[in-house]
């Protein structure tokens, strides 16, 4: 029987491990745990009065995920679901449990994490692909939200991701020259 743990238990285990090795990382892990445990309490159900309608939530979510690499403004988002900016901000917070700005930052950092594990792109390229101004902007936000620098996080997590990818990838055949039916005779002098 497989031993399955919940995300909260995984985060708690991260806190326990980090307490001995790195108090700063333990603090960051504890903040992630608190965030994980409090988000459902702050986010209202889909039918919250004053929130966005389900179709509006889906439309905004699709739009954000599709356009993360571009500059995004609240005015542009409110225009997607014809609402005034102030009404949109209140409805967005009631529906998503956070402000549009914080939600966009979270989506961009999630994308940055995925790109750091799936590509060999430098952090400066990843920052631009996520819609951030530069690598320093990515590093500042990443450290604030995750608790460590992007390069340290990538080093720590990359090994496991690469090992999994190698197991899934078919073994590469070493080059053994041209196939027998494509042999070409060569005249030597």
N, C-alpha and C. Protein backbone atom coordinates (compact mmCIF):
# COMPACT_ATOMS: atom_id res chain seq x y z
N UNK A 1 0.85 -1.18 0.00
CA UNK A 1 0.00 0.00 0.00
C UNK A 1 0.89 1.24 0.00
N UNK A 2 0.56 2.22 -0.86
CA UNK A 2 1.38 3.43 -0.96
C UNK A 2 1.11 4.36 0.21
N UNK A 3 2.15 5.01 0.64
CA UNK A 3 2.03 5.98 1.72
C UNK A 3 1.80 7.35 1.09
N UNK A 4 0.59 7.84 1.17
CA UNK A 4 0.27 9.15 0.59
C UNK A 4 0.11 10.17 1.69
N UNK A 5 0.70 11.33 1.48
CA UNK A 5 0.59 12.39 2.46
C UNK A 5 -0.11 13.57 1.82
N UNK A 6 -0.71 14.39 2.65
CA UNK A 6 -1.39 15.58 2.15
C UNK A 6 -0.35 16.68 1.92
N UNK A 7 -0.71 17.69 1.12
CA UNK A 7 0.21 18.81 0.92
C UNK A 7 0.60 19.49 2.24
N UNK A 8 -0.34 19.57 3.18
CA UNK A 8 -0.04 20.19 4.48
C UNK A 8 1.00 19.38 5.22
N UNK A 9 0.90 18.04 5.17
CA UNK A 9 1.89 17.20 5.84
C UNK A 9 3.26 17.33 5.19
N UNK A 10 3.27 17.45 3.85
CA UNK A 10 4.54 17.65 3.15
C UNK A 10 5.18 18.98 3.56
N UNK A 11 4.36 20.03 3.64
CA UNK A 11 4.89 21.33 4.05
C UNK A 11 5.40 21.30 5.49
N UNK A 12 4.69 20.61 6.35
CA UNK A 12 5.12 20.49 7.74
C UNK A 12 6.45 19.75 7.82
N UNK A 13 6.60 18.72 7.01
CA UNK A 13 7.87 17.98 6.98
C UNK A 13 9.00 18.88 6.47
N UNK A 14 8.71 19.75 5.48
CA UNK A 14 9.71 20.72 5.01
C UNK A 14 10.15 21.63 6.15
N UNK A 15 9.20 22.07 6.97
CA UNK A 15 9.52 22.94 8.11
C UNK A 15 10.43 22.20 9.08
N UNK A 16 10.08 20.97 9.39
CA UNK A 16 10.88 20.18 10.34
C UNK A 16 12.31 19.98 9.85
N UNK A 17 12.47 19.62 8.57
CA UNK A 17 13.81 19.42 8.02
C UNK A 17 14.61 20.71 8.01
N UNK A 18 13.96 21.80 7.63
CA UNK A 18 14.67 23.07 7.49
C UNK A 18 15.05 23.67 8.83
N UNK A 19 14.33 23.33 9.90
CA UNK A 19 14.64 23.92 11.21
C UNK A 19 16.06 23.59 11.63
N UNK A 20 16.53 22.41 11.35
CA UNK A 20 17.88 22.02 11.73
C UNK A 20 18.92 22.58 10.78
N UNK A 21 18.60 22.62 9.50
CA UNK A 21 19.59 23.01 8.50
C UNK A 21 19.68 24.51 8.26
N UNK A 22 18.52 25.16 8.16
CA UNK A 22 18.51 26.56 7.77
C UNK A 22 17.27 27.25 8.35
N UNK A 23 17.45 28.04 9.43
CA UNK A 23 16.30 28.69 10.05
C UNK A 23 15.52 29.61 9.11
N UNK A 24 16.21 30.27 8.17
CA UNK A 24 15.50 31.15 7.23
C UNK A 24 14.59 30.32 6.33
N UNK A 25 15.08 29.18 5.86
CA UNK A 25 14.26 28.32 5.03
C UNK A 25 13.09 27.75 5.84
N UNK A 26 13.33 27.48 7.13
CA UNK A 26 12.26 26.98 7.99
C UNK A 26 11.16 28.03 8.12
N UNK A 27 11.57 29.29 8.27
CA UNK A 27 10.60 30.37 8.37
C UNK A 27 9.78 30.46 7.08
N UNK A 28 10.45 30.37 5.93
CA UNK A 28 9.74 30.43 4.65
C UNK A 28 8.79 29.24 4.49
N UNK A 29 9.25 28.05 4.89
CA UNK A 29 8.40 26.86 4.80
C UNK A 29 7.20 26.99 5.73
N UNK A 30 7.41 27.56 6.91
CA UNK A 30 6.30 27.75 7.84
C UNK A 30 5.28 28.74 7.26
N UNK A 31 5.76 29.77 6.59
CA UNK A 31 4.84 30.72 5.95
C UNK A 31 4.04 30.05 4.85
N UNK A 32 4.69 29.16 4.06
CA UNK A 32 3.96 28.43 3.02
C UNK A 32 2.89 27.54 3.65
N UNK A 33 3.21 26.92 4.78
CA UNK A 33 2.25 26.06 5.46
C UNK A 33 1.05 26.88 5.94
N UNK A 34 1.32 28.03 6.56
CA UNK A 34 0.24 28.89 7.05
C UNK A 34 -0.62 29.35 5.88
N UNK A 35 0.02 29.74 4.78
CA UNK A 35 -0.73 30.17 3.60
C UNK A 35 -1.61 29.04 3.08
N UNK A 36 -1.04 27.84 3.02
CA UNK A 36 -1.80 26.70 2.53
C UNK A 36 -3.02 26.42 3.42
N UNK A 37 -2.84 26.56 4.71
CA UNK A 37 -3.93 26.25 5.64
C UNK A 37 -4.98 27.35 5.72
N UNK A 38 -4.61 28.60 5.42
CA UNK A 38 -5.56 29.70 5.55
C UNK A 38 -6.26 30.08 4.26
N UNK A 39 -5.74 29.70 3.10
CA UNK A 39 -6.35 30.11 1.84
C UNK A 39 -7.80 29.66 1.72
N UNK A 40 -8.15 28.40 2.00
CA UNK A 40 -9.56 28.02 1.86
C UNK A 40 -10.49 28.81 2.77
N UNK A 41 -10.01 29.22 3.93
CA UNK A 41 -10.86 29.98 4.84
C UNK A 41 -11.14 31.38 4.31
N UNK A 42 -10.19 31.98 3.58
CA UNK A 42 -10.39 33.33 3.09
C UNK A 42 -11.10 33.36 1.75
N UNK A 43 -10.92 32.32 0.94
CA UNK A 43 -11.56 32.31 -0.37
C UNK A 43 -13.01 31.86 -0.22
N UNK A 44 -13.90 32.58 -0.82
CA UNK A 44 -15.30 32.24 -0.73
C UNK A 44 -15.69 31.24 -1.80
N UNK A 45 -16.83 30.60 -1.63
CA UNK A 45 -17.29 29.67 -2.65
C UNK A 45 -17.61 30.41 -3.94
N UNK A 46 -17.75 29.66 -5.04
CA UNK A 46 -17.94 30.27 -6.35
C UNK A 46 -19.17 31.16 -6.41
N UNK A 47 -20.20 30.85 -5.65
CA UNK A 47 -21.43 31.63 -5.72
C UNK A 47 -21.49 32.75 -4.69
N UNK A 48 -20.37 33.27 -4.25
CA UNK A 48 -20.36 34.32 -3.23
C UNK A 48 -21.05 35.56 -3.78
N UNK A 49 -21.89 36.13 -2.97
CA UNK A 49 -22.59 37.35 -3.37
C UNK A 49 -21.57 38.47 -3.52
N UNK A 50 -21.63 39.14 -4.65
CA UNK A 50 -20.70 40.23 -4.91
C UNK A 50 -19.44 39.78 -5.62
N UNK A 51 -19.27 38.47 -5.81
CA UNK A 51 -18.10 37.94 -6.52
C UNK A 51 -18.35 37.88 -8.01
N UNK A 52 -17.38 37.40 -8.72
CA UNK A 52 -17.51 37.22 -10.15
C UNK A 52 -18.37 35.99 -10.44
N UNK A 53 -19.11 36.04 -11.51
CA UNK A 53 -19.87 34.87 -11.94
C UNK A 53 -18.89 33.80 -12.40
N UNK A 54 -19.26 32.53 -12.36
CA UNK A 54 -18.34 31.47 -12.78
C UNK A 54 -17.76 31.69 -14.18
N UNK A 55 -18.57 32.14 -15.13
CA UNK A 55 -18.04 32.36 -16.47
C UNK A 55 -17.01 33.48 -16.47
N UNK A 56 -17.22 34.49 -15.62
CA UNK A 56 -16.25 35.58 -15.52
C UNK A 56 -14.95 35.10 -14.90
N UNK A 57 -15.05 34.26 -13.86
CA UNK A 57 -13.84 33.71 -13.24
C UNK A 57 -13.03 32.91 -14.26
N UNK A 58 -13.71 32.05 -15.02
CA UNK A 58 -13.01 31.23 -16.02
C UNK A 58 -12.38 32.10 -17.10
N UNK A 59 -13.11 33.12 -17.53
CA UNK A 59 -12.59 33.98 -18.59
C UNK A 59 -11.36 34.74 -18.10
N UNK A 60 -11.41 35.27 -16.89
CA UNK A 60 -10.27 36.00 -16.33
C UNK A 60 -9.09 35.06 -16.12
N UNK A 61 -9.35 33.88 -15.59
CA UNK A 61 -8.27 32.93 -15.35
C UNK A 61 -7.59 32.52 -16.66
N UNK A 62 -8.38 32.23 -17.69
CA UNK A 62 -7.81 31.88 -19.01
C UNK A 62 -7.01 33.04 -19.57
N UNK A 63 -7.55 34.24 -19.46
CA UNK A 63 -6.87 35.42 -20.00
C UNK A 63 -5.53 35.63 -19.29
N UNK A 64 -5.53 35.53 -17.97
CA UNK A 64 -4.29 35.73 -17.22
C UNK A 64 -3.23 34.70 -17.60
N UNK A 65 -3.62 33.45 -17.65
CA UNK A 65 -2.65 32.38 -17.96
C UNK A 65 -2.11 32.51 -19.38
N UNK A 66 -2.93 32.99 -20.29
CA UNK A 66 -2.51 33.14 -21.68
C UNK A 66 -1.60 34.36 -21.89
N UNK A 67 -1.76 35.38 -21.06
CA UNK A 67 -1.04 36.64 -21.28
C UNK A 67 -0.07 37.00 -20.16
N UNK A 68 0.42 36.04 -19.41
CA UNK A 68 1.32 36.33 -18.29
C UNK A 68 2.59 37.04 -18.71
N UNK A 69 3.08 36.78 -19.92
CA UNK A 69 4.34 37.38 -20.36
C UNK A 69 4.19 38.86 -20.70
N UNK A 70 2.97 39.35 -20.79
CA UNK A 70 2.72 40.75 -21.14
C UNK A 70 2.44 41.57 -19.88
N UNK A 71 2.61 42.89 -19.97
CA UNK A 71 2.15 43.73 -18.86
C UNK A 71 0.63 43.64 -18.76
N UNK A 72 0.15 43.48 -17.55
CA UNK A 72 -1.29 43.35 -17.31
C UNK A 72 -1.74 44.47 -16.37
N UNK A 73 -2.86 45.07 -16.68
CA UNK A 73 -3.40 46.11 -15.81
C UNK A 73 -4.78 45.70 -15.34
N UNK A 74 -5.18 46.24 -14.22
CA UNK A 74 -6.51 45.95 -13.69
C UNK A 74 -7.57 46.47 -14.65
N UNK A 75 -7.31 47.59 -15.30
CA UNK A 75 -8.25 48.15 -16.27
C UNK A 75 -8.49 47.16 -17.41
N UNK A 76 -7.40 46.53 -17.88
CA UNK A 76 -7.49 45.56 -18.97
C UNK A 76 -8.30 44.34 -18.52
N UNK A 77 -8.06 43.89 -17.29
CA UNK A 77 -8.79 42.72 -16.78
C UNK A 77 -10.27 43.04 -16.59
N UNK A 78 -10.56 44.22 -16.04
CA UNK A 78 -11.95 44.61 -15.84
C UNK A 78 -12.68 44.71 -17.17
N UNK A 79 -11.96 45.13 -18.22
CA UNK A 79 -12.55 45.23 -19.55
C UNK A 79 -12.91 43.88 -20.15
N UNK A 80 -12.27 42.82 -19.69
CA UNK A 80 -12.57 41.48 -20.19
C UNK A 80 -13.97 41.01 -19.78
N UNK A 81 -14.41 41.48 -18.63
CA UNK A 81 -15.75 41.12 -18.11
C UNK A 81 -16.48 42.41 -17.78
N UNK A 82 -16.84 43.18 -18.77
CA UNK A 82 -17.24 44.57 -18.65
C UNK A 82 -17.74 45.01 -17.27
N UNK A 83 -16.79 45.35 -16.41
CA UNK A 83 -17.09 45.88 -15.08
C UNK A 83 -16.21 47.10 -14.83
N UNK A 84 -16.65 47.95 -13.94
CA UNK A 84 -15.78 49.07 -13.56
C UNK A 84 -14.60 48.51 -12.78
N UNK A 85 -13.52 49.25 -12.74
CA UNK A 85 -12.31 48.78 -12.07
C UNK A 85 -12.56 48.51 -10.59
N UNK A 86 -13.25 49.42 -9.92
CA UNK A 86 -13.47 49.23 -8.48
C UNK A 86 -14.38 48.03 -8.22
N UNK A 87 -15.44 47.87 -9.01
CA UNK A 87 -16.32 46.72 -8.83
C UNK A 87 -15.57 45.42 -9.14
N UNK A 88 -14.78 45.45 -10.22
CA UNK A 88 -14.00 44.27 -10.59
C UNK A 88 -13.05 43.86 -9.46
N UNK A 89 -12.34 44.80 -8.88
CA UNK A 89 -11.40 44.49 -7.80
C UNK A 89 -12.11 43.86 -6.60
N UNK A 90 -13.24 44.41 -6.21
CA UNK A 90 -14.00 43.84 -5.09
C UNK A 90 -14.50 42.43 -5.43
N UNK A 91 -15.05 42.27 -6.63
CA UNK A 91 -15.57 40.97 -7.04
C UNK A 91 -14.45 39.95 -7.19
N UNK A 92 -13.30 40.37 -7.71
CA UNK A 92 -12.16 39.47 -7.88
C UNK A 92 -11.70 38.96 -6.52
N UNK A 93 -11.57 39.87 -5.57
CA UNK A 93 -11.11 39.46 -4.24
C UNK A 93 -12.11 38.53 -3.57
N UNK A 94 -13.40 38.79 -3.76
CA UNK A 94 -14.42 37.91 -3.17
C UNK A 94 -14.37 36.53 -3.81
N UNK A 95 -14.05 36.46 -5.10
CA UNK A 95 -14.04 35.18 -5.81
C UNK A 95 -12.74 34.41 -5.64
N UNK A 96 -11.60 35.10 -5.74
CA UNK A 96 -10.30 34.44 -5.72
C UNK A 96 -9.61 34.48 -4.35
N UNK A 97 -10.13 35.30 -3.45
CA UNK A 97 -9.55 35.37 -2.11
C UNK A 97 -8.31 36.23 -2.00
N UNK A 98 -7.96 36.93 -3.05
CA UNK A 98 -6.78 37.80 -3.07
C UNK A 98 -6.98 38.89 -4.11
N UNK A 99 -6.11 39.86 -4.10
CA UNK A 99 -6.22 40.95 -5.07
C UNK A 99 -5.73 40.48 -6.44
N UNK A 100 -6.14 41.16 -7.50
CA UNK A 100 -5.64 40.79 -8.83
C UNK A 100 -4.11 40.82 -8.91
N UNK A 101 -3.50 41.84 -8.32
CA UNK A 101 -2.04 41.96 -8.37
C UNK A 101 -1.36 40.76 -7.72
N UNK A 102 -1.81 40.38 -6.54
CA UNK A 102 -1.19 39.25 -5.83
C UNK A 102 -1.44 37.94 -6.59
N UNK A 103 -2.60 37.81 -7.19
CA UNK A 103 -2.91 36.61 -7.97
C UNK A 103 -1.98 36.51 -9.18
N UNK A 104 -1.75 37.61 -9.86
CA UNK A 104 -0.87 37.63 -11.03
C UNK A 104 0.55 37.27 -10.61
N UNK A 105 1.02 37.82 -9.49
CA UNK A 105 2.37 37.49 -9.01
C UNK A 105 2.47 35.99 -8.74
N UNK A 106 1.47 35.42 -8.10
CA UNK A 106 1.49 33.99 -7.80
C UNK A 106 1.54 33.17 -9.09
N UNK A 107 0.73 33.54 -10.09
CA UNK A 107 0.73 32.82 -11.36
C UNK A 107 2.09 32.93 -12.05
N UNK A 108 2.69 34.11 -12.01
CA UNK A 108 3.99 34.31 -12.64
C UNK A 108 5.08 33.50 -11.95
N UNK A 109 5.03 33.45 -10.63
CA UNK A 109 6.03 32.66 -9.90
C UNK A 109 5.81 31.16 -10.12
N UNK A 110 4.57 30.72 -10.24
CA UNK A 110 4.31 29.32 -10.56
C UNK A 110 4.87 28.97 -11.94
N UNK A 111 4.67 29.87 -12.90
CA UNK A 111 5.21 29.66 -14.24
C UNK A 111 6.74 29.64 -14.20
N UNK A 112 7.33 30.55 -13.43
CA UNK A 112 8.80 30.59 -13.31
C UNK A 112 9.32 29.27 -12.74
N UNK A 113 8.66 28.73 -11.74
CA UNK A 113 9.09 27.45 -11.16
C UNK A 113 9.02 26.34 -12.20
N UNK A 114 7.93 26.31 -12.95
CA UNK A 114 7.80 25.27 -13.99
C UNK A 114 8.91 25.40 -15.02
N UNK A 115 9.18 26.64 -15.46
CA UNK A 115 10.21 26.86 -16.47
C UNK A 115 11.60 26.52 -15.93
N UNK A 116 11.85 26.82 -14.66
CA UNK A 116 13.16 26.51 -14.09
C UNK A 116 13.41 25.01 -14.06
N UNK A 117 12.35 24.22 -13.92
CA UNK A 117 12.51 22.77 -13.86
C UNK A 117 12.45 22.09 -15.22
N UNK A 118 11.83 22.73 -16.20
CA UNK A 118 11.63 22.08 -17.49
C UNK A 118 12.51 22.62 -18.60
N UNK A 119 13.20 23.73 -18.36
CA UNK A 119 14.08 24.28 -19.39
C UNK A 119 15.45 24.54 -18.79
N UNK A 120 16.40 24.76 -19.67
CA UNK A 120 17.74 25.14 -19.22
C UNK A 120 17.96 26.63 -19.43
N UNK A 121 16.89 27.37 -19.69
CA UNK A 121 16.99 28.80 -19.93
C UNK A 121 17.60 29.50 -18.73
N UNK A 122 18.37 30.56 -18.96
CA UNK A 122 18.88 31.34 -17.83
C UNK A 122 17.73 32.07 -17.14
N UNK A 123 17.96 32.42 -15.89
CA UNK A 123 16.91 33.07 -15.11
C UNK A 123 16.46 34.39 -15.73
N UNK A 124 17.36 35.09 -16.41
CA UNK A 124 16.97 36.35 -17.04
C UNK A 124 15.92 36.11 -18.13
N UNK A 125 16.05 35.02 -18.90
CA UNK A 125 15.06 34.70 -19.93
C UNK A 125 13.75 34.24 -19.30
N UNK A 126 13.86 33.47 -18.23
CA UNK A 126 12.66 33.00 -17.55
C UNK A 126 11.88 34.19 -16.97
N UNK A 127 12.60 35.15 -16.40
CA UNK A 127 11.94 36.33 -15.85
C UNK A 127 11.13 37.05 -16.93
N UNK A 128 11.73 37.24 -18.09
CA UNK A 128 11.03 37.92 -19.18
C UNK A 128 9.86 37.10 -19.70
N UNK A 129 10.02 35.78 -19.77
CA UNK A 129 8.94 34.90 -20.23
C UNK A 129 7.75 34.91 -19.27
N UNK A 130 8.01 35.26 -18.03
CA UNK A 130 6.94 35.30 -17.02
C UNK A 130 6.33 36.69 -16.88
N UNK A 131 6.79 37.64 -17.67
CA UNK A 131 6.23 38.98 -17.62
C UNK A 131 6.85 39.87 -16.55
N UNK A 132 8.00 39.48 -16.02
CA UNK A 132 8.68 40.29 -15.02
C UNK A 132 9.71 41.18 -15.70
N UNK A 133 10.09 42.26 -15.05
CA UNK A 133 10.95 43.25 -15.67
C UNK A 133 12.35 42.71 -15.98
N UNK A 134 12.93 41.96 -15.06
CA UNK A 134 14.28 41.45 -15.24
C UNK A 134 14.56 40.37 -14.19
N UNK A 135 15.77 39.85 -14.20
CA UNK A 135 16.12 38.79 -13.27
C UNK A 135 16.07 39.26 -11.82
N UNK A 136 16.46 40.51 -11.58
CA UNK A 136 16.41 41.04 -10.21
C UNK A 136 14.97 41.08 -9.69
N UNK A 137 14.05 41.45 -10.56
CA UNK A 137 12.63 41.47 -10.18
C UNK A 137 12.17 40.07 -9.82
N UNK A 138 12.53 39.08 -10.65
CA UNK A 138 12.19 37.69 -10.36
C UNK A 138 12.80 37.27 -9.02
N UNK A 139 14.07 37.58 -8.81
CA UNK A 139 14.75 37.17 -7.57
C UNK A 139 14.11 37.79 -6.34
N UNK A 140 13.77 39.06 -6.43
CA UNK A 140 13.16 39.75 -5.29
C UNK A 140 11.80 39.14 -4.94
N UNK A 141 10.95 38.95 -5.94
CA UNK A 141 9.63 38.36 -5.68
C UNK A 141 9.76 36.91 -5.22
N UNK A 142 10.62 36.16 -5.85
CA UNK A 142 10.79 34.74 -5.53
C UNK A 142 11.25 34.58 -4.09
N UNK A 143 12.22 35.38 -3.70
CA UNK A 143 12.73 35.28 -2.33
C UNK A 143 11.65 35.65 -1.31
N UNK A 144 10.87 36.68 -1.64
CA UNK A 144 9.81 37.12 -0.74
C UNK A 144 8.72 36.05 -0.59
N UNK A 145 8.34 35.39 -1.67
CA UNK A 145 7.24 34.44 -1.64
C UNK A 145 7.67 33.02 -1.30
N UNK A 146 8.85 32.61 -1.78
CA UNK A 146 9.27 31.22 -1.61
C UNK A 146 10.26 31.07 -0.46
N UNK A 147 11.01 32.13 -0.19
CA UNK A 147 11.93 32.07 0.94
C UNK A 147 13.36 31.80 0.56
N UNK A 148 13.66 31.64 -0.73
CA UNK A 148 15.03 31.45 -1.18
C UNK A 148 15.16 32.00 -2.58
N UNK A 149 16.37 32.16 -3.04
CA UNK A 149 16.59 32.73 -4.37
C UNK A 149 16.20 31.71 -5.44
N UNK A 150 15.88 32.18 -6.63
CA UNK A 150 15.51 31.25 -7.71
C UNK A 150 16.64 30.27 -8.04
N UNK A 151 17.87 30.75 -8.06
CA UNK A 151 18.97 29.84 -8.41
C UNK A 151 19.15 28.77 -7.34
N UNK A 152 19.02 29.11 -6.07
CA UNK A 152 19.14 28.11 -5.00
C UNK A 152 17.99 27.12 -5.08
N UNK A 153 16.78 27.61 -5.34
CA UNK A 153 15.61 26.74 -5.46
C UNK A 153 15.77 25.80 -6.64
N UNK A 154 16.27 26.34 -7.75
CA UNK A 154 16.46 25.52 -8.96
C UNK A 154 17.48 24.43 -8.71
N UNK A 155 18.61 24.78 -8.09
CA UNK A 155 19.64 23.77 -7.78
C UNK A 155 19.09 22.67 -6.89
N UNK A 156 18.32 23.08 -5.89
CA UNK A 156 17.80 22.12 -4.93
C UNK A 156 16.76 21.19 -5.56
N UNK A 157 15.95 21.70 -6.46
CA UNK A 157 14.85 20.91 -7.04
C UNK A 157 15.16 20.29 -8.39
N UNK A 158 16.16 20.78 -9.07
CA UNK A 158 16.45 20.33 -10.43
C UNK A 158 16.87 18.87 -10.48
N UNK A 159 17.61 18.39 -9.52
CA UNK A 159 18.11 17.03 -9.55
C UNK A 159 16.97 16.03 -9.63
N UNK A 160 15.98 16.17 -8.79
CA UNK A 160 14.85 15.25 -8.79
C UNK A 160 14.07 15.33 -10.10
N UNK A 161 13.87 16.53 -10.60
CA UNK A 161 13.11 16.71 -11.83
C UNK A 161 13.84 16.06 -13.01
N UNK A 162 15.15 16.25 -13.08
CA UNK A 162 15.92 15.65 -14.18
C UNK A 162 15.91 14.13 -14.09
N UNK A 163 16.02 13.59 -12.89
CA UNK A 163 16.00 12.14 -12.73
C UNK A 163 14.68 11.56 -13.22
N UNK A 164 13.57 12.20 -12.90
CA UNK A 164 12.26 11.73 -13.35
C UNK A 164 12.15 11.83 -14.86
N UNK A 165 12.65 12.92 -15.43
CA UNK A 165 12.57 13.11 -16.87
C UNK A 165 13.41 12.06 -17.59
N UNK A 166 14.56 11.71 -17.05
CA UNK A 166 15.41 10.70 -17.68
C UNK A 166 14.74 9.33 -17.66
N UNK A 167 14.05 9.02 -16.58
CA UNK A 167 13.37 7.72 -16.49
C UNK A 167 12.25 7.62 -17.51
N UNK A 168 11.58 8.74 -17.79
CA UNK A 168 10.47 8.73 -18.74
C UNK A 168 10.96 8.73 -20.18
N UNK A 169 12.12 9.33 -20.44
CA UNK A 169 12.65 9.46 -21.80
C UNK A 169 13.21 8.12 -22.26
N UNK A 170 12.92 7.70 -23.50
CA UNK A 170 13.49 6.43 -23.99
C UNK A 170 15.00 6.55 -24.09
N UNK A 171 15.68 5.43 -23.89
CA UNK A 171 17.14 5.43 -23.94
C UNK A 171 17.60 5.84 -25.33
N UNK A 172 18.57 6.72 -25.38
CA UNK A 172 19.08 7.17 -26.66
C UNK A 172 20.09 6.16 -27.18
N UNK A 173 19.97 5.87 -28.47
CA UNK A 173 20.86 4.90 -29.10
C UNK A 173 22.13 5.63 -29.52
N UNK A 174 23.29 5.12 -29.13
CA UNK A 174 24.53 5.77 -29.55
C UNK A 174 24.68 5.68 -31.06
N UNK A 175 25.33 6.65 -31.64
CA UNK A 175 25.50 6.69 -33.09
C UNK A 175 26.42 5.55 -33.51
N UNK A 176 25.93 4.71 -34.41
CA UNK A 176 26.70 3.56 -34.86
C UNK A 176 26.98 3.65 -36.36
N UNK A 177 26.94 4.82 -36.91
CA UNK A 177 27.20 4.99 -38.33
C UNK A 177 25.91 4.89 -39.11
N UNK A 178 25.99 4.98 -40.44
CA UNK A 178 24.78 4.92 -41.26
C UNK A 178 24.16 3.53 -41.23
N UNK A 179 22.89 3.50 -41.48
CA UNK A 179 22.18 2.23 -41.54
C UNK A 179 22.75 1.40 -42.68
N UNK A 180 22.74 0.04 -42.58
CA UNK A 180 23.34 -0.80 -43.62
C UNK A 180 22.80 -0.54 -45.02
N UNK A 181 21.54 -0.21 -45.16
CA UNK A 181 21.00 0.02 -46.50
C UNK A 181 21.42 1.37 -47.08
N UNK A 182 22.11 2.17 -46.30
CA UNK A 182 22.54 3.48 -46.77
C UNK A 182 24.06 3.59 -46.86
N UNK A 183 24.74 2.48 -46.86
CA UNK A 183 26.20 2.52 -46.96
C UNK A 183 26.60 3.03 -48.33
N UNK A 184 27.61 3.83 -48.36
CA UNK A 184 28.08 4.43 -49.59
C UNK A 184 29.53 3.99 -49.78
N UNK A 185 29.86 3.59 -50.98
CA UNK A 185 31.26 3.22 -51.21
C UNK A 185 32.07 4.48 -51.43
N UNK A 186 33.25 4.47 -50.92
CA UNK A 186 34.12 5.63 -51.00
C UNK A 186 35.40 5.18 -51.72
N UNK A 187 35.76 5.92 -52.75
CA UNK A 187 37.02 5.61 -53.46
C UNK A 187 38.15 6.31 -52.75
N UNK A 188 39.16 5.56 -52.42
CA UNK A 188 40.34 6.15 -51.77
C UNK A 188 41.47 6.20 -52.79
N UNK A 189 42.26 7.19 -52.74
CA UNK A 189 43.39 7.33 -53.66
C UNK A 189 44.60 6.67 -53.10
